[in-house]
PDB file of N, CA and C in Angstrom:
ATOM      1  N   MET A   1       0.412  14.460   2.623  1.00  0.00           N
ATOM      2  CA  MET A   1      -0.209  13.767   1.453  1.00  0.00           C
ATOM      3  C   MET A   1      -1.285  12.678   2.405  1.00  0.00           C
ATOM      4  N   LEU A   2      -0.355  11.606   3.080  1.00  0.00           N
ATOM      5  CA  LEU A   2      -1.560  10.799   4.063  1.00  0.00           C
ATOM      6  C   LEU A   2      -1.020  11.123   5.592  1.00  0.00           C
ATOM      7  N   LEU A   3      -1.842  10.479   6.158  1.00  0.00           N
ATOM      8  CA  LEU A   3      -1.783  10.788   7.843  1.00  0.00           C
ATOM      9  C   LEU A   3      -1.300   9.780   8.209  1.00  0.00           C
ATOM     10  N   ALA A   4      -0.423   9.887   9.636  1.00  0.00           N
ATOM     11  CA  ALA A   4      -0.731   7.748  10.435  1.00  0.00           C
ATOM     12  C   ALA A   4      -1.709   7.841  10.568  1.00  0.00           C
ATOM     13  N   LEU A   5      -2.374   6.719  10.905  1.00  0.00           N
ATOM     14  CA  LEU A   5      -3.069   5.891  11.541  1.00  0.00           C
ATOM     15  C   LEU A   5      -3.528   6.091  12.882  1.00  0.00           C
ATOM     16  N   GLY A   6      -4.476   6.861  13.239  1.00  0.00           N
ATOM     17  CA  GLY A   6      -5.034   6.135  14.873  1.00  0.00           C
ATOM     18  C   GLY A   6      -5.029   4.986  15.504  1.00  0.00           C
ATOM     19  N   ALA A   7      -5.551   5.153  16.657  1.00  0.00           N
ATOM     20  CA  ALA A   7      -5.045   3.645  17.730  1.00  0.00           C
ATOM     21  C   ALA A   7      -6.751   3.092  17.161  1.00  0.00           C
ATOM     22  N   ALA A   8      -7.756   4.155  16.881  1.00  0.00           N
ATOM     23  CA  ALA A   8      -9.077   3.242  16.271  1.00  0.00           C
ATOM     24  C   ALA A   8      -8.832   2.755  15.264  1.00  0.00           C
ATOM     25  N   GLN A   9      -8.553   3.679  14.155  1.00  0.00           N
ATOM     26  CA  GLN A   9      -8.576   2.630  12.931  1.00  0.00           C
ATOM     27  C   GLN A   9      -7.487   1.307  12.949  1.00  0.00           C
ATOM     28  N   THR A  10      -5.969   1.712  13.407  1.00  0.00           N
ATOM     29  CA  THR A  10      -5.151   0.553  13.657  1.00  0.00           C
ATOM     30  C   THR A  10      -5.595  -0.509  13.667  1.00  0.00           C
ATOM     31  N   TYR A  11      -6.470  -0.926  15.254  1.00  0.00           N
ATOM     32  CA  TYR A  11      -7.991  -1.629  15.639  1.00  0.00           C
ATOM     33  C   TYR A  11      -8.650  -1.933  14.820  1.00  0.00           C
ATOM     34  N   ALA A  12      -9.178  -0.893  14.369  1.00  0.00           N
ATOM     35  CA  ALA A  12     -10.347  -1.846  13.310  1.00  0.00           C
ATOM     36  C   ALA A  12      -9.662  -2.234  12.274  1.00  0.00           C
ATOM     37  N   TYR A  13      -8.562  -1.750  11.609  1.00  0.00           N
ATOM     38  CA  TYR A  13      -7.866  -2.276  10.515  1.00  0.00           C
ATOM     39  C   TYR A  13      -7.372  -3.494  11.009  1.00  0.00           C
ATOM     40  N   ALA A  14      -6.525  -4.188  12.318  1.00  0.00           N
ATOM     41  CA  ALA A  14      -6.231  -5.175  12.152  1.00  0.00           C
ATOM     42  C   ALA A  14      -7.346  -6.174  12.564  1.00  0.00           C
ATOM     43  N   PHE A  15      -8.734  -6.202  12.753  1.00  0.00           N
ATOM     44  CA  PHE A  15      -9.841  -7.292  13.016  1.00  0.00           C
ATOM     45  C   PHE A  15     -10.232  -6.990  12.206  1.00  0.00           C
ATOM     46  N   GLY A  16     -10.188  -6.008  11.103  1.00  0.00           N
ATOM     47  CA  GLY A  16     -11.000  -6.909  10.234  1.00  0.00           C
ATOM     48  C   GLY A  16     -12.303  -5.484  10.084  1.00  0.00           C
ATOM     49  N   LEU A  17     -12.919  -5.040  11.170  1.00  0.00           N
ATOM     50  CA  LEU A  17     -14.041  -4.008  11.104  1.00  0.00           C
ATOM     51  C   LEU A  17     -14.476  -3.168  10.240  1.00  0.00           C
ATOM     52  N   ASN A  18     -13.679  -2.965   8.651  1.00  0.00           N
ATOM     53  CA  ASN A  18     -14.388  -2.750   7.309  1.00  0.00           C
ATOM     54  C   ASN A  18     -14.464  -3.325   6.707  1.00  0.00           C
ATOM     55  N   ASN A  19     -14.844  -3.253   5.087  1.00  0.00           N
ATOM     56  CA  ASN A  19     -14.715  -4.252   4.454  1.00  0.00           C
ATOM     57  C   ASN A  19     -13.711  -4.784   3.523  1.00  0.00           C
ATOM     58  N   ASP A  20     -12.790  -5.414   4.009  1.00  0.00           N
ATOM     59  CA  ASP A  20     -11.596  -6.039   4.222  1.00  0.00           C
ATOM     60  C   ASP A  20     -11.453  -7.287   5.072  1.00  0.00           C
ATOM     61  N   ARG A  21     -12.361  -7.313   5.307  1.00  0.00           N
ATOM     62  CA  ARG A  21     -12.564  -8.717   6.349  1.00  0.00           C
ATOM     63  C   ARG A  21     -11.767  -9.873   6.567  1.00  0.00           C
ATOM     64  N   GLU A  22     -11.409  -9.719   5.048  1.00  0.00           N
ATOM     65  CA  GLU A  22     -10.239 -11.161   5.424  1.00  0.00           C
ATOM     66  C   GLU A  22      -9.124 -10.855   4.889  1.00  0.00           C
ATOM     67  N   MET A  23      -8.667  -9.577   4.914  1.00  0.00           N
ATOM     68  CA  MET A  23      -7.169  -8.728   4.396  1.00  0.00           C
ATOM     69  C   MET A  23      -6.594  -9.203   5.580  1.00  0.00           C
ATOM     70  N   GLN A  24      -5.744 -10.026   5.194  1.00  0.00           N
ATOM     71  CA  GLN A  24      -4.449 -10.233   5.597  1.00  0.00           C
ATOM     72  C   GLN A  24      -3.638  -8.608   6.734  1.00  0.00           C
ATOM     73  N   ILE A  25      -2.918  -9.030   6.966  1.00  0.00           N
ATOM     74  CA  ILE A  25      -2.904  -7.209   7.904  1.00  0.00           C
ATOM     75  C   ILE A  25      -0.755  -7.362   7.964  1.00  0.00           C
ATOM     76  N   ILE A  26       0.130  -6.531   7.425  1.00  0.00           N
ATOM     77  CA  ILE A  26       1.438  -6.514   8.443  1.00  0.00           C
ATOM     78  C   ILE A  26       1.770  -5.261   8.649  1.00  0.00           C
ATOM     79  N   THR A  27       2.153  -5.097   9.670  1.00  0.00           N
ATOM     80  CA  THR A  27       3.342  -3.858  10.024  1.00  0.00           C
ATOM     81  C   THR A  27       4.265  -3.248   9.297  1.00  0.00           C
ATOM     82  N   VAL A  28       4.093  -2.112  10.029  1.00  0.00           N
ATOM     83  CA  VAL A  28       5.161  -1.279   9.507  1.00  0.00           C
ATOM     84  C   VAL A  28       6.576  -1.476   9.337  1.00  0.00           C
ATOM     85  N   SER A  29       6.467  -2.248  10.529  1.00  0.00           N
ATOM     86  CA  SER A  29       8.643  -2.931  10.648  1.00  0.00           C
ATOM     87  C   SER A  29       8.113  -4.149   9.886  1.00  0.00           C
ATOM     88  N   ALA A  30       7.568  -4.530   9.907  1.00  0.00           N
ATOM     89  CA  ALA A  30       7.142  -6.025   9.170  1.00  0.00           C
ATOM     90  C   ALA A  30       7.683  -5.985   7.453  1.00  0.00           C
ATOM     91  N   LEU A  31       7.766  -4.892   7.430  1.00  0.00           N
ATOM     92  CA  LEU A  31       7.736  -4.303   5.504  1.00  0.00           C
ATOM     93  C   LEU A  31       9.505  -5.116   5.753  1.00  0.00           C
ATOM     94  N   PRO A  32       9.579  -4.974   4.221  1.00  0.00           N
ATOM     95  CA  PRO A  32      11.079  -4.899   3.498  1.00  0.00           C
ATOM     96  C   PRO A  32      11.387  -3.399   3.939  1.00  0.00           C
ATOM     97  N   PRO A  33      13.363  -3.226   3.953  1.00  0.00           N
ATOM     98  CA  PRO A  33      13.192  -1.694   4.062  1.00  0.00           C
ATOM     99  C   PRO A  33      13.531  -1.000   2.968  1.00  0.00           C
ATOM    100  N   GLU A  34      13.236  -1.456   1.718  1.00  0.00           N
ATOM    101  CA  GLU A  34      12.727  -0.905   1.157  1.00  0.00           C
ATOM    102  C   GLU A  34      11.032  -0.740   0.832  1.00  0.00           C
ATOM    103  N   GLY A  35      10.433  -1.240   1.438  1.00  0.00           N
ATOM    104  CA  GLY A  35       8.954  -1.366   1.281  1.00  0.00           C
ATOM    105  C   GLY A  35       8.524   0.124   2.659  1.00  0.00           C
ATOM    106  N   ARG A  36       9.868  -0.022   3.235  1.00  0.00           N
ATOM    107  CA  ARG A  36       9.692   1.187   4.532  1.00  0.00           C
ATOM    108  C   ARG A  36      10.256   2.416   3.552  1.00  0.00           C
ATOM    109  N   GLU A  37      10.740   2.397   3.349  1.00  0.00           N
ATOM    110  CA  GLU A  37      11.324   3.685   2.498  1.00  0.00           C
ATOM    111  C   GLU A  37      10.128   4.265   1.567  1.00  0.00           C
ATOM    112  N   THR A  38       9.568   3.039   0.534  1.00  0.00           N
ATOM    113  CA  THR A  38       8.934   3.759  -0.077  1.00  0.00           C
ATOM    114  C   THR A  38       7.275   4.165   0.840  1.00  0.00           C
ATOM    115  N   LEU A  39       6.750   4.125   2.083  1.00  0.00           N
ATOM    116  CA  LEU A  39       5.741   3.922   2.509  1.00  0.00           C
ATOM    117  C   LEU A  39       6.622   5.589   3.203  1.00  0.00           C
ATOM    118  N   HIS A  40       8.043   6.001   3.923  1.00  0.00           N
ATOM    119  CA  HIS A  40       8.151   7.031   3.830  1.00  0.00           C
ATOM    120  C   HIS A  40       7.472   7.963   2.798  1.00  0.00           C
ATOM    121  N   LEU A  41       8.002   7.474   1.490  1.00  0.00           N
ATOM    122  CA  LEU A  41       8.311   8.955   0.796  1.00  0.00           C
ATOM    123  C   LEU A  41       6.846   8.899   0.471  1.00  0.00           C
ATOM    124  N   ILE A  42       5.290   7.890   0.393  1.00  0.00           N
ATOM    125  CA  ILE A  42       4.564   8.520   0.390  1.00  0.00           C
ATOM    126  C   ILE A  42       4.305   9.358   1.005  1.00  0.00           C
ATOM    127  N   LYS A  43       3.750   8.755   2.731  1.00  0.00           N
ATOM    128  CA  LYS A  43       4.067  10.634   3.819  1.00  0.00           C
ATOM    129  C   LYS A  43       4.562  11.443   3.571  1.00  0.00           C
ATOM    130  N   ARG A  44       5.713  12.103   2.680  1.00  0.00           N
ATOM    131  CA  ARG A  44       6.007  13.174   2.571  1.00  0.00           C
ATOM    132  C   ARG A  44       5.347  13.386   1.235  1.00  0.00           C
ATOM    133  N   GLY A  45       4.820  12.737   0.108  1.00  0.00           N
ATOM    134  CA  GLY A  45       4.102  13.463  -0.599  1.00  0.00           C
ATOM    135  C   GLY A  45       5.722  13.700  -2.069  1.00  0.00           C
ATOM    136  N   GLY A  46       6.831  12.462  -2.050  1.00  0.00           N
ATOM    137  CA  GLY A  46       8.348  12.243  -2.914  1.00  0.00           C
ATOM    138  C   GLY A  46       8.975  12.650  -2.665  1.00  0.00           C
ATOM    139  N   PRO A  47       9.773  12.999  -3.408  1.00  0.00           N
ATOM    140  CA  PRO A  47      10.019  12.650  -4.673  1.00  0.00           C
ATOM    141  C   PRO A  47      10.015  11.290  -4.228  1.00  0.00           C
ATOM    142  N   PHE A  48       9.633  10.410  -5.536  1.00  0.00           N
ATOM    143  CA  PHE A  48       9.374   9.104  -6.397  1.00  0.00           C
ATOM    144  C   PHE A  48      10.702   8.518  -7.034  1.00  0.00           C
ATOM    145  N   PRO A  49      11.241   7.754  -6.928  1.00  0.00           N
ATOM    146  CA  PRO A  49      12.296   7.240  -7.723  1.00  0.00           C
ATOM    147  C   PRO A  49      12.172   6.993  -9.319  1.00  0.00           C
ATOM    148  N   TYR A  50      10.174   5.974  -9.459  1.00  0.00           N
ATOM    149  CA  TYR A  50       9.896   5.536 -10.483  1.00  0.00           C
ATOM    150  C   TYR A  50       8.697   6.866 -11.109  1.00  0.00           C
ATOM    151  N   PRO A  51       9.083   7.154 -12.843  1.00  0.00           N
ATOM    152  CA  PRO A  51       7.583   7.752 -13.040  1.00  0.00           C
ATOM    153  C   PRO A  51       6.416   7.019 -13.245  1.00  0.00           C
ATOM    154  N   ARG A  52       6.500   5.821 -13.378  1.00  0.00           N
ATOM    155  CA  ARG A  52       4.895   5.654 -12.876  1.00  0.00           C
ATOM    156  C   ARG A  52       4.421   5.689 -11.723  1.00  0.00           C
ATOM    157  N   ASP A  53       5.307   5.760  -9.923  1.00  0.00           N
ATOM    158  CA  ASP A  53       4.963   5.716  -8.855  1.00  0.00           C
ATOM    159  C   ASP A  53       4.113   6.506  -9.164  1.00  0.00           C
ATOM    160  N   GLY A  54       2.334   6.816  -8.550  1.00  0.00           N
ATOM    161  CA  GLY A  54       1.465   7.384  -7.780  1.00  0.00           C
ATOM    162  C   GLY A  54       0.438   7.809  -8.961  1.00  0.00           C
ATOM    163  N   VAL A  55       0.451   6.269 -10.398  1.00  0.00           N
ATOM    164  CA  VAL A  55      -0.091   6.340 -11.298  1.00  0.00           C
ATOM    165  C   VAL A  55      -1.743   5.618 -10.601  1.00  0.00           C
ATOM    166  N   ILE A  56      -2.453   6.155 -11.146  1.00  0.00           N
ATOM    167  CA  ILE A  56      -4.159   5.143 -10.581  1.00  0.00           C
ATOM    168  C   ILE A  56      -4.031   3.604 -10.771  1.00  0.00           C
ATOM    169  N   PHE A  57      -4.022   3.086  -9.534  1.00  0.00           N
ATOM    170  CA  PHE A  57      -4.309   2.042  -9.278  1.00  0.00           C
ATOM    171  C   PHE A  57      -5.600   1.361  -9.730  1.00  0.00           C
ATOM    172  N   SER A  58      -6.252   0.390 -10.806  1.00  0.00           N
ATOM    173  CA  SER A  58      -8.081   0.533 -11.325  1.00  0.00           C
ATOM    174  C   SER A  58      -8.509  -0.991 -10.108  1.00  0.00           C
ATOM    175  N   ASN A  59      -7.819  -1.293 -10.113  1.00  0.00           N
ATOM    176  CA  ASN A  59      -8.444  -2.887  -8.585  1.00  0.00           C
ATOM    177  C   ASN A  59      -9.562  -3.541  -9.926  1.00  0.00           C
ATOM    178  N   PHE A  60      -9.194  -3.772 -10.827  1.00  0.00           N
ATOM    179  CA  PHE A  60      -9.640  -4.653 -12.201  1.00  0.00           C
ATOM    180  C   PHE A  60      -9.645  -6.581 -11.542  1.00  0.00           C
ATOM    181  N   GLU A  61      -9.145  -6.892 -10.472  1.00  0.00           N
ATOM    182  CA  GLU A  61      -8.883  -7.837  -9.700  1.00  0.00           C
ATOM    183  C   GLU A  61     -10.066  -7.961  -8.672  1.00  0.00           C
ATOM    184  N   LYS A  62     -10.701  -6.823  -7.995  1.00  0.00           N
ATOM    185  CA  LYS A  62     -11.065  -6.928  -7.364  1.00  0.00           C
ATOM    186  C   LYS A  62     -10.757  -7.160  -6.022  1.00  0.00           C
ATOM    187  N   ARG A  63      -9.654  -6.646  -5.795  1.00  0.00           N
ATOM    188  CA  ARG A  63      -8.604  -7.728  -4.356  1.00  0.00           C
ATOM    189  C   ARG A  63      -8.795  -6.701  -3.100  1.00  0.00           C
ATOM    190  N   LEU A  64      -8.689  -5.486  -3.441  1.00  0.00           N
ATOM    191  CA  LEU A  64      -8.791  -4.872  -2.519  1.00  0.00           C
ATOM    192  C   LEU A  64     -10.116  -3.873  -2.536  1.00  0.00           C
ATOM    193  N   PRO A  65     -11.144  -3.121  -1.090  1.00  0.00           N
ATOM    194  CA  PRO A  65     -11.985  -2.886  -1.281  1.00  0.00           C
ATOM    195  C   PRO A  65     -12.480  -2.259  -2.264  1.00  0.00           C
ATOM    196  N   LYS A  66     -13.101  -1.898  -2.975  1.00  0.00           N
ATOM    197  CA  LYS A  66     -14.485  -0.891  -3.903  1.00  0.00           C
ATOM    198  C   LYS A  66     -14.640   0.134  -3.473  1.00  0.00           C
ATOM    199  N   HIS A  67     -13.973   0.931  -4.191  1.00  0.00           N
ATOM    200  CA  HIS A  67     -13.921   2.125  -4.511  1.00  0.00           C
ATOM    201  C   HIS A  67     -13.426   2.538  -5.544  1.00  0.00           C
ATOM    202  N   GLU A  68     -14.306   4.680  -5.787  1.00  0.00           N
ATOM    203  CA  GLU A  68     -14.959   4.691  -7.137  1.00  0.00           C
ATOM    204  C   GLU A  68     -13.344   4.662  -7.893  1.00  0.00           C
ATOM    205  N   ARG A  69     -13.038   4.842  -8.379  1.00  0.00           N
ATOM    206  CA  ARG A  69     -12.188   5.016 -10.203  1.00  0.00           C
ATOM    207  C   ARG A  69     -10.868   6.243  -9.467  1.00  0.00           C
ATOM    208  N   GLY A  70      -9.698   6.261  -9.399  1.00  0.00           N
ATOM    209  CA  GLY A  70      -8.911   6.467  -8.748  1.00  0.00           C
ATOM    210  C   GLY A  70      -9.063   7.178  -7.506  1.00  0.00           C
ATOM    211  N   TYR A  71      -9.313   6.136  -6.535  1.00  0.00           N
ATOM    212  CA  TYR A  71      -8.928   5.897  -5.494  1.00  0.00           C
ATOM    213  C   TYR A  71      -8.161   6.002  -5.281  1.00  0.00           C
ATOM    214  N   TYR A  72      -7.254   4.438  -5.344  1.00  0.00           N
ATOM    215  CA  TYR A  72      -6.071   3.959  -5.062  1.00  0.00           C
ATOM    216  C   TYR A  72      -4.892   4.574  -6.203  1.00  0.00           C
ATOM    217  N   ARG A  73      -3.838   4.598  -5.294  1.00  0.00           N
ATOM    218  CA  ARG A  73      -2.304   5.022  -6.292  1.00  0.00           C
ATOM    219  C   ARG A  73      -1.673   4.043  -5.829  1.00  0.00           C
ATOM    220  N   GLU A  74      -0.760   3.678  -6.715  1.00  0.00           N
ATOM    221  CA  GLU A  74       0.268   2.596  -6.212  1.00  0.00           C
ATOM    222  C   GLU A  74       1.557   2.573  -6.967  1.00  0.00           C
ATOM    223  N   PHE A  75       2.667   2.971  -6.184  1.00  0.00           N
ATOM    224  CA  PHE A  75       3.861   3.069  -5.571  1.00  0.00           C
ATOM    225  C   PHE A  75       4.688   1.281  -5.320  1.00  0.00           C
ATOM    226  N   THR A  76       6.286   1.822  -6.433  1.00  0.00           N
ATOM    227  CA  THR A  76       6.876   1.325  -6.206  1.00  0.00           C
ATOM    228  C   THR A  76       7.343   0.693  -4.984  1.00  0.00           C
ATOM    229  N   VAL A  77       8.380  -0.738  -4.878  1.00  0.00           N
ATOM    230  CA  VAL A  77       8.748  -1.544  -3.457  1.00  0.00           C
ATOM    231  C   VAL A  77       9.429  -1.554  -4.542  1.00  0.00           C
ATOM    232  N   LYS A  78      11.110  -0.923  -4.194  1.00  0.00           N
ATOM    233  CA  LYS A  78      12.414  -1.315  -4.861  1.00  0.00           C
ATOM    234  C   LYS A  78      13.032  -3.045  -4.678  1.00  0.00           C
ATOM    235  N   THR A  79      13.429  -3.517  -5.597  1.00  0.00           N
ATOM    236  CA  THR A  79      13.371  -5.063  -5.029  1.00  0.00           C
ATOM    237  C   THR A  79      14.957  -4.465  -5.215  1.00  0.00           C
ATOM    238  N   PRO A  80      15.401  -5.027  -4.664  1.00  0.00           N
ATOM    239  CA  PRO A  80      17.715  -5.461  -4.123  1.00  0.00           C
ATOM    240  C   PRO A  80      17.836  -6.810  -5.465  1.00  0.00           C
ATOM    241  N   GLY A  81      19.117  -6.283  -6.171  1.00  0.00           N
ATOM    242  CA  GLY A  81      19.300  -7.032  -7.514  1.00  0.00           C
ATOM    243  C   GLY A  81      18.542  -6.211  -8.575  1.00  0.00           C
ATOM    244  N   ILE A  82      17.507  -5.774  -8.642  1.00  0.00           N
ATOM    245  CA  ILE A  82      16.473  -6.063 -10.393  1.00  0.00           C
ATOM    246  C   ILE A  82      16.427  -4.784 -10.941  1.00  0.00           C
ATOM    247  N   ARG A  83      16.592  -4.397 -11.624  1.00  0.00           N
ATOM    248  CA  ARG A  83      17.181  -3.542 -12.756  1.00  0.00           C
ATOM    249  C   ARG A  83      15.278  -2.991 -12.865  1.00  0.00           C
ATOM    250  N   ASN A  84      14.700  -3.289 -13.695  1.00  0.00           N
ATOM    251  CA  ASN A  84      12.948  -2.909 -13.632  1.00  0.00           C
ATOM    252  C   ASN A  84      12.386  -2.881 -12.189  1.00  0.00           C
ATOM    253  N   ARG A  85      11.558  -2.672 -11.933  1.00  0.00           N
ATOM    254  CA  ARG A  85      10.429  -1.768 -11.028  1.00  0.00           C
ATOM    255  C   ARG A  85       9.953  -3.383 -10.173  1.00  0.00           C
ATOM    256  N   GLY A  86      10.096  -4.422 -10.667  1.00  0.00           N
ATOM    257  CA  GLY A  86       9.958  -5.537  -9.947  1.00  0.00           C
ATOM    258  C   GLY A  86       8.924  -6.025  -9.128  1.00  0.00           C
ATOM    259  N   ALA A  87       8.365  -7.006  -8.699  1.00  0.00           N
ATOM    260  CA  ALA A  87       7.133  -7.244  -8.667  1.00  0.00           C
ATOM    261  C   ALA A  87       6.408  -6.240  -6.834  1.00  0.00           C
ATOM    262  N   ARG A  88       6.966  -5.766  -6.053  1.00  0.00           N
ATOM    263  CA  ARG A  88       6.714  -5.069  -5.197  1.00  0.00           C
ATOM    264  C   ARG A  88       5.417  -3.894  -5.366  1.00  0.00           C
ATOM    265  N   ARG A  89       4.566  -3.789  -4.556  1.00  0.00           N
ATOM    266  CA  ARG A  89       4.213  -2.311  -4.921  1.00  0.00           C
ATOM    267  C   ARG A  89       3.641  -2.660  -3.542  1.00  0.00           C
ATOM    268  N   ILE A  90       2.830  -0.868  -3.465  1.00  0.00           N
ATOM    269  CA  ILE A  90       2.357  -0.271  -2.195  1.00  0.00           C
ATOM    270  C   ILE A  90       1.424   0.413  -2.930  1.00  0.00           C
ATOM    271  N   VAL A  91       0.468  -0.444  -2.556  1.00  0.00           N
ATOM    272  CA  VAL A  91      -0.609   0.475  -2.722  1.00  0.00           C
ATOM    273  C   VAL A  91      -2.211   1.423  -1.965  1.00  0.00           C
ATOM    274  N   CYS A  92      -1.946   2.817  -2.682  1.00  0.00           N
ATOM    275  CA  CYS A  92      -2.695   3.837  -1.008  1.00  0.00           C
ATOM    276  C   CYS A  92      -3.827   3.976  -1.974  1.00  0.00           C
ATOM    277  N   GLY A  93      -5.016   4.266  -1.012  1.00  0.00           N
ATOM    278  CA  GLY A  93      -5.852   5.223  -1.022  1.00  0.00           C
ATOM    279  C   GLY A  93      -5.902   6.178  -0.002  1.00  0.00           C
ATOM    280  N   GLN A  94      -7.004   7.286  -0.806  1.00  0.00           N
ATOM    281  CA  GLN A  94      -7.239   8.531   0.394  1.00  0.00           C
ATOM    282  C   GLN A  94      -8.267   8.424   1.301  1.00  0.00           C
ATOM    283  N   PRO A  95      -8.284   9.115   2.594  1.00  0.00           N
ATOM    284  CA  PRO A  95      -6.904   9.801   3.236  1.00  0.00           C
ATOM    285  C   PRO A  95      -6.269   8.825   3.836  1.00  0.00           C
ATOM    286  N   VAL A  96      -6.226   7.319   4.304  1.00  0.00           N
ATOM    287  CA  VAL A  96      -5.238   7.051   4.688  1.00  0.00           C
ATOM    288  C   VAL A  96      -5.578   5.268   4.836  1.00  0.00           C
ATOM    289  N   GLU A  97      -4.721   4.307   3.395  1.00  0.00           N
ATOM    290  CA  GLU A  97      -5.372   2.754   3.720  1.00  0.00           C
ATOM    291  C   GLU A  97      -4.489   2.483   2.217  1.00  0.00           C
ATOM    292  N   CYS A  98      -3.658   1.586   3.029  1.00  0.00           N
ATOM    293  CA  CYS A  98      -2.095   1.440   2.175  1.00  0.00           C
ATOM    294  C   CYS A  98      -1.894  -0.022   2.445  1.00  0.00           C
ATOM    295  N   TYR A  99      -1.760  -0.685   1.568  1.00  0.00           N
ATOM    296  CA  TYR A  99      -1.841  -2.112   0.684  1.00  0.00           C
ATOM    297  C   TYR A  99      -0.454  -2.643   0.956  1.00  0.00           C
ATOM    298  N   TYR A 100       0.246  -3.255   0.650  1.00  0.00           N
ATOM    299  CA  TYR A 100       1.230  -3.666   0.275  1.00  0.00           C
ATOM    300  C   TYR A 100       1.294  -5.407  -0.111  1.00  0.00           C
ATOM    301  N   SER A 101       1.977  -5.511  -1.919  1.00  0.00           N
ATOM    302  CA  SER A 101       1.681  -6.248  -2.162  1.00  0.00           C
ATOM    303  C   SER A 101       3.701  -6.910  -2.499  1.00  0.00           C
ATOM    304  N   ALA A 102       3.587  -8.068  -2.673  1.00  0.00           N
ATOM    305  CA  ALA A 102       5.217  -8.685  -2.714  1.00  0.00           C
ATOM    306  C   ALA A 102       4.893  -9.770  -3.921  1.00  0.00           C
ATOM    307  N   ASP A 103       4.207  -9.558  -4.545  1.00  0.00           N
ATOM    308  CA  ASP A 103       3.469 -10.947  -5.677  1.00  0.00           C
ATOM    309  C   ASP A 103       3.020 -10.246  -6.859  1.00  0.00           C
ATOM    310  N   HIS A 104       3.045  -8.568  -7.533  1.00  0.00           N
ATOM    311  CA  HIS A 104       2.636  -7.498  -8.300  1.00  0.00           C
ATOM    312  C   HIS A 104       0.959  -7.959  -8.255  1.00  0.00           C
ATOM    313  N   TYR A 105       0.670  -8.220  -7.082  1.00  0.00           N
ATOM    314  CA  TYR A 105      -1.177  -7.798  -7.017  1.00  0.00           C
ATOM    315  C   TYR A 105      -2.192  -8.864  -6.659  1.00  0.00           C
ATOM    316  N   ARG A 106      -0.994 -10.182  -6.955  1.00  0.00           N
ATOM    317  CA  ARG A 106      -1.810 -11.657  -6.285  1.00  0.00           C
ATOM    318  C   ARG A 106      -2.377 -11.543  -5.081  1.00  0.00           C
ATOM    319  N   THR A 107      -1.687 -10.787  -4.083  1.00  0.00           N
ATOM    320  CA  THR A 107      -2.886 -11.215  -3.202  1.00  0.00           C
ATOM    321  C   THR A 107      -1.867  -9.760  -2.641  1.00  0.00           C
ATOM    322  N   PHE A 108      -2.543  -8.988  -1.111  1.00  0.00           N
ATOM    323  CA  PHE A 108      -2.408  -7.865  -0.651  1.00  0.00           C
ATOM    324  C   PHE A 108      -2.587  -7.786   1.038  1.00  0.00           C
ATOM    325  N   ARG A 109      -2.195  -7.007   1.882  1.00  0.00           N
ATOM    326  CA  ARG A 109      -2.239  -6.932   2.872  1.00  0.00           C
ATOM    327  C   ARG A 109      -1.962  -5.922   3.305  1.00  0.00           C
ATOM    328  N   ARG A 110      -3.308  -5.487   3.823  1.00  0.00           N
ATOM    329  CA  ARG A 110      -3.402  -4.088   4.744  1.00  0.00           C
ATOM    330  C   ARG A 110      -2.076  -3.416   5.777  1.00  0.00           C
ATOM    331  N   ILE A 111      -1.036  -2.866   5.599  1.00  0.00           N
ATOM    332  CA  ILE A 111      -0.424  -1.880   5.874  1.00  0.00           C
ATOM    333  C   ILE A 111      -0.796  -1.202   7.426  1.00  0.00           C
ATOM    334  N   VAL A 112      -0.585  -1.797   8.737  1.00  0.00           N
ATOM    335  CA  VAL A 112      -1.108  -0.932  10.335  1.00  0.00           C
ATOM    336  C   VAL A 112       0.318  -0.596  10.912  1.00  0.00           C
ATOM    337  N   GLU A 113       0.433   0.813  11.262  1.00  0.00           N
ATOM    338  CA  GLU A 113       1.360   1.191  12.068  1.00  0.00           C
ATOM    339  C   GLU A 113       1.318   0.810  13.083  1.00  0.00           C
TER     340      GLU A 113
END
């Protein structure tokens, strides 16, 4: 479903050379273990543990770069000790553009390899 970032894309994303100039980044290795597992499932195309994983993320707050409706999909990052979905998410656009939010969409960091 999603492809790995190439070196040029990683450079561009890490240094804000796309539409998200103010966006902070996070490397895959810096994600919590549950975030790395969610990203692995996204790249593999599932199966996902929550029925709402993969639904459209509308970006109403405009915290991510602007794209047409349906561009972004959201996925749950499990939170240890929490029985519900918790607040952590990974939101991805196609072909490859993923963001991590630890605070239920208040802030995002672009995920880079």
